[in-house]
PDB file of N, CA and C in Angstrom:
ATOM      1  N   MET A   1       1.141  -0.974  -0.339  1.00  0.00           N
ATOM      2  CA  MET A   1      -0.145   0.143  -0.241  1.00  0.00           C
ATOM      3  C   MET A   1       0.553   1.064  -0.029  1.00  0.00           C
ATOM      4  N   GLU A   2       0.575   1.973  -1.330  1.00  0.00           N
ATOM      5  CA  GLU A   2       1.134   3.408  -1.043  1.00  0.00           C
ATOM      6  C   GLU A   2       0.335   4.481  -0.587  1.00  0.00           C
ATOM      7  N   VAL A   3       0.941   5.652   0.460  1.00  0.00           N
ATOM      8  CA  VAL A   3       0.396   6.498   1.081  1.00  0.00           C
ATOM      9  C   VAL A   3       1.001   7.975   0.215  1.00  0.00           C
ATOM     10  N   GLY A   4       0.227   8.822  -0.113  1.00  0.00           N
ATOM     11  CA  GLY A   4       0.881  10.458  -0.893  1.00  0.00           C
ATOM     12  C   GLY A   4       1.580  11.004   0.412  1.00  0.00           C
ATOM     13  N   ILE A   5       2.308  11.750  -0.548  1.00  0.00           N
ATOM     14  CA  ILE A   5       3.139  12.131   0.806  1.00  0.00           C
ATOM     15  C   ILE A   5       1.765  13.584   1.410  1.00  0.00           C
ATOM     16  N   SER A   6       0.865  14.147   0.224  1.00  0.00           N
ATOM     17  CA  SER A   6       0.250  14.989   1.102  1.00  0.00           C
ATOM     18  C   SER A   6      -0.709  14.214   1.590  1.00  0.00           C
ATOM     19  N   THR A   7      -1.120  13.201   2.076  1.00  0.00           N
ATOM     20  CA  THR A   7      -2.021  12.543   2.693  1.00  0.00           C
ATOM     21  C   THR A   7      -0.981  11.876   4.388  1.00  0.00           C
ATOM     22  N   LEU A   8      -0.359  11.965   3.841  1.00  0.00           N
ATOM     23  CA  LEU A   8       0.870  11.766   5.235  1.00  0.00           C
ATOM     24  C   LEU A   8       0.893  13.038   5.738  1.00  0.00           C
ATOM     25  N   TYR A   9       1.106  14.296   5.135  1.00  0.00           N
ATOM     26  CA  TYR A   9       1.161  15.542   6.129  1.00  0.00           C
ATOM     27  C   TYR A   9      -0.236  16.108   6.727  1.00  0.00           C
ATOM     28  N   THR A  10      -1.273  15.347   5.249  1.00  0.00           N
ATOM     29  CA  THR A  10      -2.524  15.687   6.411  1.00  0.00           C
ATOM     30  C   THR A  10      -3.276  15.429   8.050  1.00  0.00           C
ATOM     31  N   VAL A  11      -2.213  13.688   8.024  1.00  0.00           N
ATOM     32  CA  VAL A  11      -2.667  12.963   9.114  1.00  0.00           C
ATOM     33  C   VAL A  11      -1.678  13.410  10.083  1.00  0.00           C
ATOM     34  N   LEU A  12      -0.337  13.960   9.676  1.00  0.00           N
ATOM     35  CA  LEU A  12       0.227  14.523  10.563  1.00  0.00           C
ATOM     36  C   LEU A  12      -0.262  15.737  11.551  1.00  0.00           C
ATOM     37  N   TYR A  13      -0.368  16.291  10.302  1.00  0.00           N
ATOM     38  CA  TYR A  13      -0.927  17.771  10.905  1.00  0.00           C
ATOM     39  C   TYR A  13      -2.190  18.010  11.869  1.00  0.00           C
ATOM     40  N   ARG A  14      -3.573  16.398  11.923  1.00  0.00           N
ATOM     41  CA  ARG A  14      -4.578  16.503  11.894  1.00  0.00           C
ATOM     42  C   ARG A  14      -3.706  15.421  13.654  1.00  0.00           C
ATOM     43  N   MET A  15      -2.648  15.188  13.682  1.00  0.00           N
ATOM     44  CA  MET A  15      -2.353  14.264  14.735  1.00  0.00           C
ATOM     45  C   MET A  15      -1.834  15.515  15.644  1.00  0.00           C
ATOM     46  N   GLU A  16      -0.841  16.033  14.961  1.00  0.00           N
ATOM     47  CA  GLU A  16      -0.336  17.860  15.631  1.00  0.00           C
ATOM     48  C   GLU A  16      -1.660  18.577  16.336  1.00  0.00           C
ATOM     49  N   GLU A  17      -2.471  18.781  15.572  1.00  0.00           N
ATOM     50  CA  GLU A  17      -3.373  19.798  16.467  1.00  0.00           C
ATOM     51  C   GLU A  17      -4.228  18.960  17.218  1.00  0.00           C
ATOM     52  N   ARG A  18      -3.816  17.720  17.672  1.00  0.00           N
ATOM     53  CA  ARG A  18      -5.023  16.753  19.051  1.00  0.00           C
ATOM     54  C   ARG A  18      -4.018  16.654  19.701  1.00  0.00           C
ATOM     55  N   ASP A  19      -2.742  17.529  19.644  1.00  0.00           N
ATOM     56  CA  ASP A  19      -2.031  16.981  20.580  1.00  0.00           C
ATOM     57  C   ASP A  19      -1.100  15.602  20.890  1.00  0.00           C
ATOM     58  N   TRP A  20      -1.294  14.975  19.787  1.00  0.00           N
ATOM     59  CA  TRP A  20      -1.019  13.585  20.299  1.00  0.00           C
ATOM     60  C   TRP A  20       0.403  13.284  19.609  1.00  0.00           C
ATOM     61  N   ILE A  21       0.970  14.351  18.878  1.00  0.00           N
ATOM     62  CA  ILE A  21       2.735  14.673  18.204  1.00  0.00           C
ATOM     63  C   ILE A  21       3.262  15.548  18.135  1.00  0.00           C
ATOM     64  N   ARG A  22       4.639  15.921  18.495  1.00  0.00           N
ATOM     65  CA  ARG A  22       5.263  17.542  18.438  1.00  0.00           C
ATOM     66  C   ARG A  22       5.980  17.060  17.416  1.00  0.00           C
ATOM     67  N   GLY A  23       6.117  17.915  16.654  1.00  0.00           N
ATOM     68  CA  GLY A  23       7.641  18.227  16.350  1.00  0.00           C
ATOM     69  C   GLY A  23       8.121  19.199  16.003  1.00  0.00           C
ATOM     70  N   ARG A  24       9.126  19.068  15.591  1.00  0.00           N
ATOM     71  CA  ARG A  24      10.743  19.689  15.918  1.00  0.00           C
ATOM     72  C   ARG A  24      11.563  19.485  14.636  1.00  0.00           C
ATOM     73  N   TRP A  25      11.163  21.056  13.751  1.00  0.00           N
ATOM     74  CA  TRP A  25      12.170  21.597  12.727  1.00  0.00           C
ATOM     75  C   TRP A  25      13.863  21.511  13.024  1.00  0.00           C
ATOM     76  N   VAL A  26      14.483  20.209  12.398  1.00  0.00           N
ATOM     77  CA  VAL A  26      15.816  20.634  12.526  1.00  0.00           C
ATOM     78  C   VAL A  26      16.900  20.985  10.966  1.00  0.00           C
ATOM     79  N   GLU A  27      17.650  22.594  11.066  1.00  0.00           N
ATOM     80  CA  GLU A  27      18.397  22.574   9.987  1.00  0.00           C
ATOM     81  C   GLU A  27      19.768  21.658  10.194  1.00  0.00           C
ATOM     82  N   LYS A  28      20.472  21.543   8.996  1.00  0.00           N
ATOM     83  CA  LYS A  28      21.561  21.422   9.337  1.00  0.00           C
ATOM     84  C   LYS A  28      22.193  22.086   7.739  1.00  0.00           C
ATOM     85  N   LYS A  29      23.234  22.519   8.094  1.00  0.00           N
ATOM     86  CA  LYS A  29      23.861  22.710   6.567  1.00  0.00           C
ATOM     87  C   LYS A  29      24.481  22.402   5.937  1.00  0.00           C
ATOM     88  N   GLY A  30      24.045  22.675   4.695  1.00  0.00           N
ATOM     89  CA  GLY A  30      23.645  21.406   3.306  1.00  0.00           C
ATOM     90  C   GLY A  30      22.977  20.784   3.736  1.00  0.00           C
ATOM     91  N   GLU A  31      22.262  20.628   4.338  1.00  0.00           N
ATOM     92  CA  GLU A  31      20.624  19.638   3.692  1.00  0.00           C
ATOM     93  C   GLU A  31      19.484  20.606   4.207  1.00  0.00           C
ATOM     94  N   ARG A  32      18.751  19.634   3.750  1.00  0.00           N
ATOM     95  CA  ARG A  32      17.212  20.126   3.449  1.00  0.00           C
ATOM     96  C   ARG A  32      16.642  20.108   5.308  1.00  0.00           C
ATOM     97  N   ARG A  33      15.957  21.039   5.258  1.00  0.00           N
ATOM     98  CA  ARG A  33      15.464  21.544   6.576  1.00  0.00           C
ATOM     99  C   ARG A  33      14.673  20.124   6.753  1.00  0.00           C
ATOM    100  N   ARG A  34      14.378  19.059   8.313  1.00  0.00           N
ATOM    101  CA  ARG A  34      13.816  18.643   8.376  1.00  0.00           C
ATOM    102  C   ARG A  34      12.623  18.384   9.634  1.00  0.00           C
ATOM    103  N   CYS A  35      11.672  17.588   9.458  1.00  0.00           N
ATOM    104  CA  CYS A  35      10.722  18.094  10.690  1.00  0.00           C
ATOM    105  C   CYS A  35      10.776  16.457  11.170  1.00  0.00           C
ATOM    106  N   TYR A  36      10.926  16.941  12.773  1.00  0.00           N
ATOM    107  CA  TYR A  36      11.302  15.106  13.250  1.00  0.00           C
ATOM    108  C   TYR A  36       9.933  14.954  14.463  1.00  0.00           C
ATOM    109  N   TYR A  37       9.293  13.876  14.485  1.00  0.00           N
ATOM    110  CA  TYR A  37       7.994  14.309  15.219  1.00  0.00           C
ATOM    111  C   TYR A  37       8.168  13.396  16.373  1.00  0.00           C
ATOM    112  N   SER A  38       7.110  13.410  17.460  1.00  0.00           N
ATOM    113  CA  SER A  38       7.808  11.924  18.707  1.00  0.00           C
ATOM    114  C   SER A  38       6.097  12.326  19.400  1.00  0.00           C
ATOM    115  N   LEU A  39       5.958  11.448  20.075  1.00  0.00           N
ATOM    116  CA  LEU A  39       4.798  11.434  20.802  1.00  0.00           C
ATOM    117  C   LEU A  39       4.670  11.972  22.004  1.00  0.00           C
ATOM    118  N   THR A  40       3.521  12.432  22.027  1.00  0.00           N
ATOM    119  CA  THR A  40       3.199  13.431  23.721  1.00  0.00           C
ATOM    120  C   THR A  40       2.869  12.202  24.442  1.00  0.00           C
ATOM    121  N   ARG A  41       2.272  12.853  25.920  1.00  0.00           N
ATOM    122  CA  ARG A  41       2.030  11.469  26.949  1.00  0.00           C
ATOM    123  C   ARG A  41       0.612  11.147  26.144  1.00  0.00           C
ATOM    124  N   GLU A  42      -0.075  12.828  25.841  1.00  0.00           N
ATOM    125  CA  GLU A  42      -1.949  12.113  25.523  1.00  0.00           C
ATOM    126  C   GLU A  42      -1.610  11.437  23.414  1.00  0.00           C
ATOM    127  N   GLY A  43      -0.581  11.377  23.220  1.00  0.00           N
ATOM    128  CA  GLY A  43      -0.317  10.503  22.323  1.00  0.00           C
ATOM    129  C   GLY A  43      -0.317   8.923  22.875  1.00  0.00           C
ATOM    130  N   GLU A  44       0.880   8.913  23.785  1.00  0.00           N
ATOM    131  CA  GLU A  44       1.422   7.204  23.791  1.00  0.00           C
ATOM    132  C   GLU A  44      -0.204   6.884  24.566  1.00  0.00           C
ATOM    133  N   ASP A  45      -0.688   7.737  25.077  1.00  0.00           N
ATOM    134  CA  ASP A  45      -2.430   7.180  25.821  1.00  0.00           C
ATOM    135  C   ASP A  45      -3.633   6.669  24.838  1.00  0.00           C
ATOM    136  N   VAL A  46      -3.508   7.450  23.854  1.00  0.00           N
ATOM    137  CA  VAL A  46      -4.233   7.265  22.447  1.00  0.00           C
ATOM    138  C   VAL A  46      -3.583   6.322  22.040  1.00  0.00           C
ATOM    139  N   LEU A  47      -2.544   6.023  21.568  1.00  0.00           N
ATOM    140  CA  LEU A  47      -1.914   4.510  21.005  1.00  0.00           C
ATOM    141  C   LEU A  47      -2.422   3.322  22.033  1.00  0.00           C
ATOM    142  N   ALA A  48      -2.084   3.716  23.150  1.00  0.00           N
ATOM    143  CA  ALA A  48      -2.327   2.248  24.397  1.00  0.00           C
ATOM    144  C   ALA A  48      -3.674   1.843  24.152  1.00  0.00           C
ATOM    145  N   GLN A  49      -4.493   2.621  23.631  1.00  0.00           N
ATOM    146  CA  GLN A  49      -6.001   2.722  23.709  1.00  0.00           C
ATOM    147  C   GLN A  49      -6.434   2.018  22.109  1.00  0.00           C
ATOM    148  N   GLN A  50      -5.680   2.714  21.550  1.00  0.00           N
ATOM    149  CA  GLN A  50      -5.852   1.826  20.383  1.00  0.00           C
ATOM    150  C   GLN A  50      -5.470   0.551  20.175  1.00  0.00           C
ATOM    151  N   ARG A  51      -4.209  -0.017  20.662  1.00  0.00           N
ATOM    152  CA  ARG A  51      -3.312  -1.472  20.702  1.00  0.00           C
ATOM    153  C   ARG A  51      -4.597  -1.775  21.344  1.00  0.00           C
ATOM    154  N   ARG A  52      -5.115  -1.660  22.441  1.00  0.00           N
ATOM    155  CA  ARG A  52      -5.922  -2.385  23.116  1.00  0.00           C
ATOM    156  C   ARG A  52      -7.350  -3.040  22.344  1.00  0.00           C
ATOM    157  N   GLU A  53      -7.760  -1.809  21.644  1.00  0.00           N
ATOM    158  CA  GLU A  53      -8.829  -2.101  20.809  1.00  0.00           C
ATOM    159  C   GLU A  53      -8.594  -3.087  19.828  1.00  0.00           C
ATOM    160  N   TRP A  54      -7.394  -2.614  18.742  1.00  0.00           N
ATOM    161  CA  TRP A  54      -6.933  -3.819  17.649  1.00  0.00           C
ATOM    162  C   TRP A  54      -6.937  -4.871  18.402  1.00  0.00           C
ATOM    163  N   ARG A  55      -6.477  -5.365  19.657  1.00  0.00           N
ATOM    164  CA  ARG A  55      -5.828  -6.551  20.502  1.00  0.00           C
ATOM    165  C   ARG A  55      -7.749  -7.180  20.464  1.00  0.00           C
ATOM    166  N   ALA A  56      -8.786  -6.417  21.149  1.00  0.00           N
ATOM    167  CA  ALA A  56      -9.967  -6.974  20.952  1.00  0.00           C
ATOM    168  C   ALA A  56     -10.886  -7.559  19.972  1.00  0.00           C
ATOM    169  N   PHE A  57     -10.375  -6.664  19.171  1.00  0.00           N
ATOM    170  CA  PHE A  57     -10.794  -7.003  17.782  1.00  0.00           C
ATOM    171  C   PHE A  57     -10.355  -7.824  17.107  1.00  0.00           C
ATOM    172  N   VAL A  58      -8.719  -8.481  16.874  1.00  0.00           N
ATOM    173  CA  VAL A  58      -8.411  -9.467  16.726  1.00  0.00           C
ATOM    174  C   VAL A  58      -9.028 -10.696  17.172  1.00  0.00           C
ATOM    175  N   ASP A  59      -8.944 -10.512  18.587  1.00  0.00           N
ATOM    176  CA  ASP A  59      -9.172 -11.850  19.865  1.00  0.00           C
ATOM    177  C   ASP A  59     -10.869 -12.348  19.154  1.00  0.00           C
ATOM    178  N   ILE A  60     -11.813 -11.242  18.689  1.00  0.00           N
ATOM    179  CA  ILE A  60     -12.831 -11.932  17.738  1.00  0.00           C
ATOM    180  C   ILE A  60     -13.262 -12.081  16.999  1.00  0.00           C
ATOM    181  N   VAL A  61     -12.263 -11.817  15.943  1.00  0.00           N
ATOM    182  CA  VAL A  61     -11.637 -12.136  14.644  1.00  0.00           C
ATOM    183  C   VAL A  61     -11.058 -13.575  15.204  1.00  0.00           C
ATOM    184  N   ASP A  62     -10.639 -13.781  15.163  1.00  0.00           N
ATOM    185  CA  ASP A  62     -10.040 -15.436  15.378  1.00  0.00           C
ATOM    186  C   ASP A  62     -11.063 -16.577  16.559  1.00  0.00           C
ATOM    187  N   ARG A  63     -11.694 -16.082  17.370  1.00  0.00           N
ATOM    188  CA  ARG A  63     -12.834 -16.803  17.750  1.00  0.00           C
ATOM    189  C   ARG A  63     -13.588 -17.088  16.717  1.00  0.00           C
ATOM    190  N   VAL A  64     -14.263 -15.817  15.661  1.00  0.00           N
ATOM    191  CA  VAL A  64     -15.041 -16.147  14.652  1.00  0.00           C
ATOM    192  C   VAL A  64     -14.514 -17.237  13.855  1.00  0.00           C
ATOM    193  N   ILE A  65     -13.199 -17.159  13.320  1.00  0.00           N
ATOM    194  CA  ILE A  65     -12.190 -18.404  13.006  1.00  0.00           C
ATOM    195  C   ILE A  65     -12.539 -19.542  12.842  1.00  0.00           C
ATOM    196  N   ALA A  66     -12.164 -19.265  14.884  1.00  0.00           N
ATOM    197  CA  ALA A  66     -11.528 -21.244  15.066  1.00  0.00           C
ATOM    198  C   ALA A  66     -13.576 -21.752  14.966  1.00  0.00           C
ATOM    199  N   MET A  67     -14.557 -20.882  15.354  1.00  0.00           N
ATOM    200  CA  MET A  67     -15.811 -21.298  15.000  1.00  0.00           C
ATOM    201  C   MET A  67     -16.168 -21.818  13.755  1.00  0.00           C
ATOM    202  N   SER A  68     -15.444 -21.568  12.867  1.00  0.00           N
ATOM    203  CA  SER A  68     -16.530 -21.729  11.473  1.00  0.00           C
ATOM    204  C   SER A  68     -15.047 -22.704  10.869  1.00  0.00           C
ATOM    205  N   GLU A  69     -13.967 -22.825  11.952  1.00  0.00           N
ATOM    206  CA  GLU A  69     -13.365 -24.424  11.507  1.00  0.00           C
ATOM    207  C   GLU A  69     -13.291 -25.717  12.553  1.00  0.00           C
ATOM    208  N   GLY A  70     -14.290 -25.060  12.895  1.00  0.00           N
ATOM    209  CA  GLY A  70     -15.298 -25.919  13.527  1.00  0.00           C
ATOM    210  C   GLY A  70     -14.658 -27.451  14.622  1.00  0.00           C
TER     211      GLY A  70
END
């Protein structure tokens, strides 16, 4: 799956607006300016919740598959 650059930046900006990540611009001589992102405390909490939800979803799917295999 490929994600276009405009889609990626839209997601990053939205995450930054929600205070899930924080960007830090770094400039080095002779190189392009780059933005490095890190998770905020709120972002870590959101990520942990999303991981719990994903695991619950996977568990349910596994149960359905196990029932169909019978």
